[in-house]
C-alpha atoms as a PDB file:
ATOM      1  CA  THR A   1      12.261  -4.430 -17.611  1.00  0.00           C
ATOM      2  CA  THR A   2      10.006  -1.391 -17.893  1.00  0.00           C
ATOM      3  CA  GLU A   3       9.932   1.282 -15.242  1.00  0.00           C
ATOM      4  CA  VAL A   4       7.331   4.026 -15.045  1.00  0.00           C
ATOM      5  CA  GLN A   5       8.169   6.944 -12.802  1.00  0.00           C
ATOM      6  CA  ALA A   6       5.559   8.482 -10.516  1.00  0.00           C
ATOM      7  CA  GLU A   7       4.747  12.147 -10.917  1.00  0.00           C
ATOM      8  CA  ALA A   8       6.942  14.500  -8.921  1.00  0.00           C
ATOM      9  CA  ALA A   9       5.639  15.144  -5.431  1.00  0.00           C
ATOM     10  CA  THR A  10       6.908  17.468  -2.727  1.00  0.00           C
ATOM     11  CA  PRO A  11       5.609  16.472   0.724  1.00  0.00           C
ATOM     12  CA  VAL A  12       5.266  19.260   3.259  1.00  0.00           C
ATOM     13  CA  SER A  13       6.972  17.221   6.008  1.00  0.00           C
ATOM     14  CA  PRO A  14       9.939  14.829   6.280  1.00  0.00           C
ATOM     15  CA  VAL A  15       7.691  12.212   7.938  1.00  0.00           C
ATOM     16  CA  LEU A  16       5.721  11.867   4.691  1.00  0.00           C
ATOM     17  CA  PRO A  17       6.737   9.754   1.673  1.00  0.00           C
ATOM     18  CA  ARG A  18       6.696  11.207  -1.835  1.00  0.00           C
ATOM     19  CA  ARG A  19       4.572   8.320  -3.094  1.00  0.00           C
ATOM     20  CA  LEU A  20       2.052   6.408  -0.957  1.00  0.00           C
ATOM     21  CA  ILE A  21       0.090   3.336  -2.024  1.00  0.00           C
ATOM     22  CA  THR A  22      -2.434   2.132   0.549  1.00  0.00           C
ATOM     23  CA  VAL A  23      -4.132  -1.213  -0.058  1.00  0.00           C
ATOM     24  CA  PHE A  24      -7.689  -1.367   1.286  1.00  0.00           C
ATOM     25  CA  GLY A  25     -10.342  -4.076   1.319  1.00  0.00           C
ATOM     26  CA  LEU A  26     -12.678  -5.985   3.573  1.00  0.00           C
ATOM     27  CA  GLU A  27     -11.022  -8.579   5.794  1.00  0.00           C
ATOM     28  CA  SER A  28     -10.086 -11.751   3.869  1.00  0.00           C
ATOM     29  CA  SER A  29     -10.089  -9.991   0.503  1.00  0.00           C
ATOM     30  CA  GLY A  30      -6.479 -10.667  -0.507  1.00  0.00           C
ATOM     31  CA  THR A  31      -5.182  -7.293   0.674  1.00  0.00           C
ATOM     32  CA  THR A  32      -2.080  -8.713   2.379  1.00  0.00           C
ATOM     33  CA  PHE A  33      -0.993 -10.567  -0.766  1.00  0.00           C
ATOM     34  CA  VAL A  34      -1.476  -7.502  -2.965  1.00  0.00           C
ATOM     35  CA  ALA A  35       0.288  -5.151  -0.521  1.00  0.00           C
ATOM     36  CA  LYS A  36       3.278  -7.454  -0.012  1.00  0.00           C
ATOM     37  CA  THR A  37       3.583  -7.947  -3.770  1.00  0.00           C
ATOM     38  CA  LEU A  38       3.575  -4.205  -4.487  1.00  0.00           C
ATOM     39  CA  ALA A  39       6.076  -3.531  -1.696  1.00  0.00           C
ATOM     40  CA  SER A  40       8.389  -6.298  -2.898  1.00  0.00           C
ATOM     41  CA  ILE A  41       8.333  -5.044  -6.468  1.00  0.00           C
ATOM     42  CA  GLY A  42       8.814  -1.463  -5.291  1.00  0.00           C
ATOM     43  CA  GLY A  43      11.770  -2.550  -3.170  1.00  0.00           C
ATOM     44  CA  VAL A  44      10.362  -1.117   0.068  1.00  0.00           C
ATOM     45  CA  MET A  45       9.045  -2.376   3.392  1.00  0.00           C
ATOM     46  CA  PHE A  46       5.297  -2.418   3.749  1.00  0.00           C
ATOM     47  CA  ARG A  47       3.395  -1.069   6.712  1.00  0.00           C
ATOM     48  CA  GLU A  48       0.851  -3.334   8.387  1.00  0.00           C
ATOM     49  CA  GLY A  49      -2.179  -1.409   9.660  1.00  0.00           C
ATOM     50  CA  SER A  50      -1.405   1.029  12.469  1.00  0.00           C
ATOM     51  CA  GLN A  51       2.110  -0.356  12.900  1.00  0.00           C
ATOM     52  CA  HIS A  52       4.267   2.275  14.605  1.00  0.00           C
ATOM     53  CA  GLN A  53       7.804   3.193  13.609  1.00  0.00           C
ATOM     54  CA  ASN A  54      10.141   5.151  15.858  1.00  0.00           C
ATOM     55  CA  GLN A  55      12.312   6.252  12.973  1.00  0.00           C
ATOM     56  CA  LEU A  56      11.829   6.746   9.263  1.00  0.00           C
ATOM     57  CA  PHE A  57      13.062   4.447   6.531  1.00  0.00           C
ATOM     58  CA  GLU A  58      15.912   5.957   4.548  1.00  0.00           C
ATOM     59  CA  ASN A  59      14.041   5.485   1.286  1.00  0.00           C
ATOM     60  CA  ARG A  60      11.119   7.921   1.444  1.00  0.00           C
ATOM     61  CA  SER A  61      10.324   7.832  -2.274  1.00  0.00           C
ATOM     62  CA  LEU A  62       7.683   5.110  -1.862  1.00  0.00           C
ATOM     63  CA  GLU A  63       5.680   3.605   0.972  1.00  0.00           C
ATOM     64  CA  VAL A  64       3.172   0.749   0.723  1.00  0.00           C
ATOM     65  CA  SER A  65       0.691   0.318   3.554  1.00  0.00           C
ATOM     66  CA  HIS A  66      -2.021  -2.262   4.115  1.00  0.00           C
ATOM     67  CA  ILE A  67      -5.297  -1.909   6.001  1.00  0.00           C
ATOM     68  CA  SER A  68      -8.053  -4.527   5.905  1.00  0.00           C
ATOM     69  CA  GLN A  69     -11.398  -3.168   7.045  1.00  0.00           C
ATOM     70  CA  PRO A  70     -12.086  -3.119   9.936  1.00  0.00           C
ATOM     71  CA  TRP A  71      -8.621  -3.261  11.456  1.00  0.00           C
ATOM     72  CA  GLY A  72      -7.990  -4.475  14.978  1.00  0.00           C
ATOM     73  CA  TRP A  73      -9.433  -6.787  17.600  1.00  0.00           C
ATOM     74  CA  HIS A  74     -12.523  -6.800  19.854  1.00  0.00           C
ATOM     75  CA  CYS A  75     -15.150  -8.141  17.477  1.00  0.00           C
ATOM     76  CA  GLU A  76     -17.998  -7.856  19.970  1.00  0.00           C
ATOM     77  CA  THR A  77     -21.681  -7.057  19.778  1.00  0.00           C
ATOM     78  CA  ASN A  78     -21.408  -4.183  22.268  1.00  0.00           C
ATOM     79  CA  ILE A  79     -18.549  -2.380  20.491  1.00  0.00           C
ATOM     80  CA  ARG A  80     -18.829  -0.964  16.981  1.00  0.00           C
ATOM     81  CA  PRO A  81     -15.619  -0.023  15.153  1.00  0.00           C
ATOM     82  CA  SER A  82     -14.828   3.668  14.802  1.00  0.00           C
ATOM     83  CA  VAL A  83     -14.280   5.342  11.416  1.00  0.00           C
ATOM     84  CA  ILE A  84     -11.135   7.472  11.363  1.00  0.00           C
ATOM     85  CA  PRO A  85     -10.247  10.019   8.651  1.00  0.00           C
ATOM     86  CA  ALA A  86      -6.805   8.677   7.709  1.00  0.00           C
ATOM     87  CA  LEU A  87      -4.083   6.195   8.498  1.00  0.00           C
ATOM     88  CA  TYR A  88      -1.521   8.713   9.715  1.00  0.00           C
ATOM     89  CA  PRO A  89       2.257   8.460   9.118  1.00  0.00           C
ATOM     90  CA  ALA A  90       3.850   5.560  10.969  1.00  0.00           C
ATOM     91  CA  THR A  91       5.764   7.851  13.342  1.00  0.00           C
ATOM     92  CA  CYS A  92       2.606   9.767  14.293  1.00  0.00           C
ATOM     93  CA  GLY A  93       0.350   7.141  15.850  1.00  0.00           C
ATOM     94  CA  GLU A  94       0.280   4.083  18.058  1.00  0.00           C
ATOM     95  CA  SER A  95      -2.023   1.103  18.433  1.00  0.00           C
ATOM     96  CA  MET A  96      -4.209   1.309  21.537  1.00  0.00           C
ATOM     97  CA  SER A  97      -3.756  -2.410  22.170  1.00  0.00           C
ATOM     98  CA  LYS A  98      -0.101  -1.701  23.018  1.00  0.00           C
ATOM     99  CA  GLN A  99      -0.829   0.971  25.589  1.00  0.00           C
ATOM    100  CA  GLY A 100      -1.489  -1.569  28.337  1.00  0.00           C
ATOM    101  CA  LYS A 101      -4.085   0.688  29.957  1.00  0.00           C
ATOM    102  CA  LEU A 102      -7.580   1.431  28.725  1.00  0.00           C
ATOM    103  CA  ARG A 103     -10.012   3.878  30.140  1.00  0.00           C
ATOM    104  CA  SER A 104     -13.621   2.710  30.437  1.00  0.00           C
ATOM    105  CA  ARG A 105     -15.429   3.237  27.153  1.00  0.00           C
ATOM    106  CA  ARG A 106     -17.690   6.277  26.950  1.00  0.00           C
ATOM    107  CA  SER A 107     -19.940   4.772  24.312  1.00  0.00           C
ATOM    108  CA  ARG A 108     -20.620   1.571  22.396  1.00  0.00           C
ATOM    109  CA  THR A 109     -18.500   2.753  19.467  1.00  0.00           C
ATOM    110  CA  SER A 110     -14.915   2.550  20.708  1.00  0.00           C
ATOM    111  CA  PHE A 111     -12.496   2.540  23.599  1.00  0.00           C
ATOM    112  CA  ASP A 112     -10.935   5.851  24.603  1.00  0.00           C
ATOM    113  CA  PRO A 113      -7.244   6.044  25.486  1.00  0.00           C
ATOM    114  CA  SER A 114      -6.232   7.248  28.893  1.00  0.00           C
ATOM    115  CA  PRO A 115      -4.307  10.529  28.380  1.00  0.00           C
ATOM    116  CA  ASP A 116      -1.811   9.722  31.124  1.00  0.00           C
ATOM    117  CA  VAL A 117      -0.415   6.784  29.124  1.00  0.00           C
ATOM    118  CA  LEU A 118      -0.082   8.680  25.839  1.00  0.00           C
ATOM    119  CA  GLY A 119       3.324   9.989  24.835  1.00  0.00           C
ATOM    120  CA  PRO A 120       3.928  13.552  23.658  1.00  0.00           C
ATOM    121  CA  VAL A 121       3.255  14.296  20.002  1.00  0.00           C
ATOM    122  CA  SER A 122       6.214  15.246  17.830  1.00  0.00           C
ATOM    123  CA  ARG A 123       6.361  18.710  16.308  1.00  0.00           C
ATOM    124  CA  GLU A 124       6.193  17.261  12.774  1.00  0.00           C
ATOM    125  CA  CYS A 125       3.044  15.249  13.533  1.00  0.00           C
ATOM    126  CA  ARG A 126       1.380  18.172  15.292  1.00  0.00           C
ATOM    127  CA  ASP A 127       2.127  20.491  12.365  1.00  0.00           C
ATOM    128  CA  LEU A 128       0.596  17.944   9.980  1.00  0.00           C
ATOM    129  CA  GLY A 129      -2.586  17.704  12.043  1.00  0.00           C
ATOM    130  CA  ALA A 130      -1.993  14.013  12.769  1.00  0.00           C
ATOM    131  CA  VAL A 131      -3.433  14.330  16.266  1.00  0.00           C
ATOM    132  CA  ASP A 132      -6.599  13.639  18.219  1.00  0.00           C
ATOM    133  CA  ASP A 133      -8.391  16.980  18.657  1.00  0.00           C
ATOM    134  CA  ARG A 134      -9.229  16.011  22.254  1.00  0.00           C
ATOM    135  CA  TYR A 135      -5.549  15.596  23.150  1.00  0.00           C
ATOM    136  CA  PRO A 136      -3.636  17.812  20.680  1.00  0.00           C
ATOM    137  CA  GLU A 137      -0.373  17.573  22.630  1.00  0.00           C
ATOM    138  CA  LYS A 138      -0.465  13.776  22.873  1.00  0.00           C
ATOM    139  CA  SER A 139       0.490  11.083  20.385  1.00  0.00           C
ATOM    140  CA  PHE A 140      -2.460   9.919  18.269  1.00  0.00           C
ATOM    141  CA  THR A 141      -3.754   6.511  19.361  1.00  0.00           C
ATOM    142  CA  TYR A 142      -5.820   4.275  17.106  1.00  0.00           C
ATOM    143  CA  PRO A 143      -9.004   2.630  18.424  1.00  0.00           C
ATOM    144  CA  VAL A 144      -8.854  -1.085  19.153  1.00  0.00           C
ATOM    145  CA  ARG A 145     -10.980  -1.749  16.070  1.00  0.00           C
ATOM    146  CA  TYR A 146     -11.576   0.781  13.306  1.00  0.00           C
ATOM    147  CA  PHE A 147     -12.276   1.593   9.677  1.00  0.00           C
ATOM    148  CA  VAL A 148     -10.324   4.137   7.646  1.00  0.00           C
ATOM    149  CA  ASN A 149     -12.346   6.474   5.435  1.00  0.00           C
ATOM    150  CA  ILE A 150     -10.660   5.780   2.099  1.00  0.00           C
ATOM    151  CA  THR A 151     -11.731   9.044   0.473  1.00  0.00           C
ATOM    152  CA  SER A 152     -10.541  11.333   3.256  1.00  0.00           C
ATOM    153  CA  HIS A 153      -7.345   9.249   3.642  1.00  0.00           C
ATOM    154  CA  VAL A 154      -6.297   9.954   0.049  1.00  0.00           C
ATOM    155  CA  GLU A 155      -7.423  13.571   0.360  1.00  0.00           C
ATOM    156  CA  TRP A 156      -5.430  14.032   3.609  1.00  0.00           C
ATOM    157  CA  TYR A 157      -2.168  12.915   2.011  1.00  0.00           C
ATOM    158  CA  ARG A 158      -2.650  14.619  -1.352  1.00  0.00           C
ATOM    159  CA  SER A 159      -3.415  17.926   0.358  1.00  0.00           C
ATOM    160  CA  ARG A 160       0.002  17.600   2.044  1.00  0.00           C
ATOM    161  CA  GLY A 161       1.972  17.057  -1.145  1.00  0.00           C
ATOM    162  CA  VAL A 162       1.985  13.242  -1.254  1.00  0.00           C
ATOM    163  CA  ASP A 163       1.205  11.377  -4.481  1.00  0.00           C
ATOM    164  CA  ALA A 164      -1.310   9.036  -2.813  1.00  0.00           C
ATOM    165  CA  THR A 165      -3.301   6.185  -4.352  1.00  0.00           C
ATOM    166  CA  ALA A 166      -5.796   3.811  -2.745  1.00  0.00           C
ATOM    167  CA  VAL A 167      -5.769   0.267  -4.127  1.00  0.00           C
ATOM    168  CA  ILE A 168      -9.086  -1.414  -3.331  1.00  0.00           C
ATOM    169  CA  VAL A 169      -9.152  -5.227  -3.393  1.00  0.00           C
ATOM    170  CA  LEU A 170     -12.469  -7.030  -3.873  1.00  0.00           C
ATOM    171  CA  ARG A 171     -13.192 -10.750  -3.542  1.00  0.00           C
ATOM    172  CA  ASP A 172     -16.025 -13.166  -4.293  1.00  0.00           C
ATOM    173  CA  LYS A 173     -18.948 -12.269  -2.020  1.00  0.00           C
ATOM    174  CA  SER A 174     -19.693 -15.756  -0.651  1.00  0.00           C
ATOM    175  CA  ILE A 175     -16.068 -16.799  -0.153  1.00  0.00           C
ATOM    176  CA  GLY A 176     -15.145 -13.479   1.448  1.00  0.00           C
ATOM    177  CA  HIS A 177     -18.086 -13.609   3.842  1.00  0.00           C
ATOM    178  CA  TYR A 178     -17.419 -17.230   4.813  1.00  0.00           C
ATOM    179  CA  SER A 179     -13.735 -16.506   5.441  1.00  0.00           C
ATOM    180  CA  ARG A 180     -14.493 -13.415   7.540  1.00  0.00           C
ATOM    181  CA  TYR A 181     -16.968 -15.370   9.646  1.00  0.00           C
ATOM    182  CA  LEU A 182     -14.621 -18.328  10.043  1.00  0.00           C
ATOM    183  CA  GLU A 183     -11.294 -16.564  10.593  1.00  0.00           C
ATOM    184  CA  HIS A 184     -11.989 -13.072  11.907  1.00  0.00           C
ATOM    185  CA  CYS A 185     -15.227 -12.512  13.779  1.00  0.00           C
ATOM    186  CA  GLY A 186     -17.524 -15.515  14.169  1.00  0.00           C
ATOM    187  CA  ILE A 187     -20.537 -13.338  15.012  1.00  0.00           C
ATOM    188  CA  GLU A 188     -22.839 -13.326  11.994  1.00  0.00           C
ATOM    189  CA  GLY A 189     -24.514 -10.002  12.731  1.00  0.00           C
ATOM    190  CA  GLU A 190     -21.176  -8.265  13.326  1.00  0.00           C
ATOM    191  CA  VAL A 191     -19.699  -9.646  10.107  1.00  0.00           C
ATOM    192  CA  GLU A 192     -22.674  -8.377   8.119  1.00  0.00           C
ATOM    193  CA  GLU A 193     -22.513  -4.937   9.749  1.00  0.00           C
ATOM    194  CA  ASP A 194     -18.759  -4.698   9.105  1.00  0.00           C
ATOM    195  CA  GLU A 195     -19.339  -5.602   5.465  1.00  0.00           C
ATOM    196  CA  LYS A 196     -22.026  -2.940   5.159  1.00  0.00           C
ATOM    197  CA  VAL A 197     -19.783  -0.190   6.554  1.00  0.00           C
ATOM    198  CA  GLY A 198     -16.700  -1.334   4.628  1.00  0.00           C
ATOM    199  CA  LEU A 199     -18.510  -1.575   1.297  1.00  0.00           C
ATOM    200  CA  GLY A 200     -20.042   1.852   1.877  1.00  0.00           C
ATOM    201  CA  LEU A 201     -16.557   3.357   2.263  1.00  0.00           C
ATOM    202  CA  ILE A 202     -15.389   1.538  -0.880  1.00  0.00           C
ATOM    203  CA  GLU A 203     -18.342   2.770  -2.930  1.00  0.00           C
ATOM    204  CA  GLU A 204     -17.787   6.337  -1.728  1.00  0.00           C
ATOM    205  CA  ALA A 205     -14.114   6.221  -2.740  1.00  0.00           C
ATOM    206  CA  LEU A 206     -14.829   4.774  -6.186  1.00  0.00           C
ATOM    207  CA  GLU A 207     -17.516   7.405  -6.749  1.00  0.00           C
ATOM    208  CA  ARG A 208     -15.779  10.524  -5.430  1.00  0.00           C
ATOM    209  CA  LEU A 209     -12.014  10.181  -5.823  1.00  0.00           C
ATOM    210  CA  PRO A 210     -11.828  10.047  -9.659  1.00  0.00           C
ATOM    211  CA  ALA A 211     -13.903  13.237  -9.849  1.00  0.00           C
ATOM    212  CA  MET A 212     -11.875  14.979  -7.130  1.00  0.00           C
ATOM    213  CA  TYR A 213      -8.564  14.328  -8.912  1.00  0.00           C
ATOM    214  CA  SER A 214      -9.597  14.140 -12.562  1.00  0.00           C
ATOM    215  CA  ASP A 215      -6.574  16.233 -13.632  1.00  0.00           C
ATOM    216  CA  SER A 216      -4.020  14.049 -11.831  1.00  0.00           C
ATOM    217  CA  SER A 217      -1.536  12.038 -13.884  1.00  0.00           C
ATOM    218  CA  SER A 218      -1.553   9.278 -11.249  1.00  0.00           C
ATOM    219  CA  PRO A 219      -4.778   7.523 -10.237  1.00  0.00           C
ATOM    220  CA  PRO A 220      -6.268   8.393  -6.832  1.00  0.00           C
ATOM    221  CA  VAL A 221      -7.958   4.987  -6.673  1.00  0.00           C
ATOM    222  CA  VAL A 222      -7.477   1.634  -8.411  1.00  0.00           C
ATOM    223  CA  MET A 223      -9.722  -1.415  -8.077  1.00  0.00           C
ATOM    224  CA  VAL A 224      -8.327  -4.973  -8.056  1.00  0.00           C
ATOM    225  CA  GLN A 225     -10.530  -8.059  -8.317  1.00  0.00           C
ATOM    226  CA  TYR A 226      -8.841 -10.946  -6.499  1.00  0.00           C
ATOM    227  CA  GLU A 227     -10.309 -13.592  -8.821  1.00  0.00           C
ATOM    228  CA  SER A 228      -9.163 -11.653 -11.915  1.00  0.00           C
ATOM    229  CA  LEU A 229      -5.651 -11.469 -10.477  1.00  0.00           C
ATOM    230  CA  LEU A 230      -5.646 -15.246  -9.956  1.00  0.00           C
ATOM    231  CA  LEU A 231      -7.055 -15.957 -13.412  1.00  0.00           C
ATOM    232  CA  LEU A 232      -4.806 -13.642 -15.438  1.00  0.00           C
ATOM    233  CA  GLY A 233      -1.793 -13.784 -13.127  1.00  0.00           C
ATOM    234  CA  GLU A 234       1.283 -11.996 -14.447  1.00  0.00           C
ATOM    235  CA  PHE A 235      -0.654 -10.256 -17.232  1.00  0.00           C
ATOM    236  CA  PHE A 236      -3.059  -8.639 -14.746  1.00  0.00           C
ATOM    237  CA  LEU A 237      -0.280  -7.736 -12.299  1.00  0.00           C
ATOM    238  CA  ILE A 238       1.879  -6.017 -14.919  1.00  0.00           C
ATOM    239  CA  ARG A 239      -1.076  -3.897 -16.033  1.00  0.00           C
ATOM    240  CA  LEU A 240      -1.677  -2.965 -12.378  1.00  0.00           C
ATOM    241  CA  LEU A 241       1.990  -2.023 -11.907  1.00  0.00           C
ATOM    242  CA  ARG A 242       1.905   0.207 -14.967  1.00  0.00           C
ATOM    243  CA  GLU A 243      -1.238   1.919 -13.744  1.00  0.00           C
ATOM    244  CA  LEU A 244       0.450   2.548 -10.388  1.00  0.00           C
ATOM    245  CA  ARG A 245       3.682   3.660 -12.116  1.00  0.00           C
ATOM    246  CA  LEU A 246       5.764   0.955 -10.477  1.00  0.00           C
ATOM    247  CA  PRO A 247       8.587  -1.012 -12.135  1.00  0.00           C
ATOM    248  CA  THR A 248       7.539  -4.215 -13.891  1.00  0.00           C
ATOM    249  CA  ASN A 249      10.459  -6.396 -12.905  1.00  0.00           C
ATOM    250  CA  GLY A 250       9.771  -9.982 -13.968  1.00  0.00           C
ATOM    251  CA  ASN A 251      12.290 -11.384 -11.484  1.00  0.00           C
ATOM    252  CA  LYS A 252      10.211 -10.149  -8.547  1.00  0.00           C
ATOM    253  CA  LEU A 253       6.781 -11.309  -9.665  1.00  0.00           C
ATOM    254  CA  PRO A 254       5.127 -13.603  -7.094  1.00  0.00           C
ATOM    255  CA  VAL A 255       3.924 -17.162  -7.325  1.00  0.00           C
ATOM    256  CA  PHE A 256       0.140 -17.057  -7.605  1.00  0.00           C
ATOM    257  CA  LYS A 257      -1.681 -19.452  -5.276  1.00  0.00           C
ATOM    258  CA  ASN A 258      -5.445 -19.818  -5.369  1.00  0.00           C
ATOM    259  CA  GLY A 259      -6.633 -18.805  -1.903  1.00  0.00           C
ATOM    260  CA  ASN A 260     -10.217 -19.630  -2.895  1.00  0.00           C
ATOM    261  CA  ALA A 261      -9.562 -23.328  -3.487  1.00  0.00           C
ATOM    262  CA  LYS A 262      -9.967 -24.461   0.124  1.00  0.00           C
ATOM    263  CA  TYR A 263     -13.268 -22.611   0.492  1.00  0.00           C
ATOM    264  CA  ILE A 264     -14.628 -24.017  -2.762  1.00  0.00           C
ATOM    265  CA  LYS A 265     -13.724 -27.490  -1.469  1.00  0.00           C
ATOM    266  CA  GLU A 266     -15.503 -26.786   1.823  1.00  0.00           C
ATOM    267  CA  PHE A 267     -18.545 -25.438  -0.033  1.00  0.00           C
ATOM    268  CA  SER A 268     -18.621 -28.630  -2.101  1.00  0.00           C
ATOM    269  CA  MET A 269     -18.469 -30.793   1.031  1.00  0.00           C
ATOM    270  CA  LEU A 270     -21.236 -28.763   2.688  1.00  0.00           C
ATOM    271  CA  HIS A 271     -23.357 -29.097  -0.444  1.00  0.00           C
ATOM    272  CA  LYS A 272     -22.902 -32.873  -0.440  1.00  0.00           C
ATOM    273  CA  GLU A 273     -23.806 -33.035   3.260  1.00  0.00           C
ATOM    274  CA  LYS A 274     -26.971 -31.031   2.609  1.00  0.00           C
ATOM    275  CA  GLN A 275     -27.879 -33.250  -0.335  1.00  0.00           C
ATOM    276  CA  THR A 276     -27.329 -36.360   1.813  1.00  0.00           C
ATOM    277  CA  SER A 277     -29.450 -34.888   4.612  1.00  0.00           C
ATOM    278  CA  ARG A 278     -32.231 -33.984   2.183  1.00  0.00           C
ATOM    279  CA  THR A 279     -32.169 -37.462   0.631  1.00  0.00           C
ATOM    280  CA  ALA A 280     -32.304 -39.102   4.071  1.00  0.00           C
ATOM    281  CA  PHE A 281     -35.123 -36.793   5.159  1.00  0.00           C
ATOM    282  CA  SER A 282     -37.064 -37.479   1.975  1.00  0.00           C
ATOM    283  CA  ARG A 283     -36.579 -41.224   2.411  1.00  0.00           C
ATOM    284  CA  GLN A 284     -37.703 -41.053   6.053  1.00  0.00           C
ATOM    285  CA  ARG A 285     -40.714 -38.950   5.119  1.00  0.00           C
ATOM    286  CA  HIS A 286     -41.660 -41.316   2.295  1.00  0.00           C
ATOM    287  CA  THR A 287     -41.278 -44.381   4.555  1.00  0.00           C
ATOM    288  CA  GLY A 288     -43.227 -42.724   7.353  1.00  0.00           C
ATOM    289  CA  LEU A 289     -46.028 -41.691   5.026  1.00  0.00           C
ATOM    290  CA  LEU A 290     -46.196 -45.171   3.492  1.00  0.00           C
ATOM    291  CA  GLY A 291     -46.357 -46.821   6.928  1.00  0.00           C
ATOM    292  CA  LYS A 292     -49.055 -44.423   8.065  1.00  0.00           C
ATOM    293  CA  ARG A 293     -51.232 -45.139   5.060  1.00  0.00           C
ATOM    294  CA  LEU A 294     -50.676 -48.895   5.210  1.00  0.00           C
ATOM    295  CA  ARG A 295     -51.864 -48.826   8.804  1.00  0.00           C
ATOM    296  CA  LYS A 296     -55.010 -47.158   7.520  1.00  0.00           C
ATOM    297  CA  GLY A 297     -55.432 -49.853   4.852  1.00  0.00           C
ATOM    298  CA  THR A 298     -54.519 -47.604   1.917  1.00  0.00           C
ATOM    299  CA  THR A 299     -51.564 -47.326  -0.452  1.00  0.00           C
ATOM    300  CA  LEU A 300     -49.874 -44.324  -2.003  1.00  0.00           C
ATOM    301  CA  GLU A 301     -51.504 -45.183  -5.314  1.00  0.00           C
ATOM    302  CA  ASP A 302     -54.941 -44.826  -3.687  1.00  0.00           C
ATOM    303  CA  SER A 303     -54.268 -41.182  -2.799  1.00  0.00           C
END
């Protein structure tokens, strides 16, 4: 067993962990699998999206959080997801879907929370700036559907003494798109727009973060290709753990299951159906053309 310690970090608030790994990716990119694996190996619970916690975990040395982009519900053509600067500490924000009351939306970009249903913000969260500027004395409430700006998320935590890293998971373009359409949204135009925004945030993070923290001993951003993880398995995962300075404990390594297999099978079936349809259409066209010319007293060879 090899263990690599993270660089020393001194958070400015007790609500912050010393080490934060946030797993990002478009919906259906394998982010849940990667986040759960890292949390299991690190021996900590993992935070799912804007999941709220009333009290802190005792072990504040490491926290693993997971956010697929966009996060939340209401995939509709008249509502575009908001882009928020950071996924704030779990004790500092709540999901709007749990409020039970929603004020009429002011724009086509998000729902606004009704201030009368928001709880008071804690002193620690207010001091950190984990608040909505419109309601600085109220608990921060996440939109019903939103993106997190990966670059500013890492910057927000690192500027407050947290050793923060964004792990970005990418997946095959066709399989990812098909899965998002089938299992998350079902509105082609919305899926494409979500992909455009999400990929833009990923590209920005990969471009800017290494330059912003070039002198850091821990990486501000790490990219994981889902297909590479499946292909190389344990070898790829151990290299990822070392890069993230997590223990490489062989007893906790996961069983790798190919999540692409079912989509490849469906693609194959669709391809066969298309080929069958094309063959039938070609046969009908050929028969129809032959009959038409025979009625005229000609054959195909005469043409």
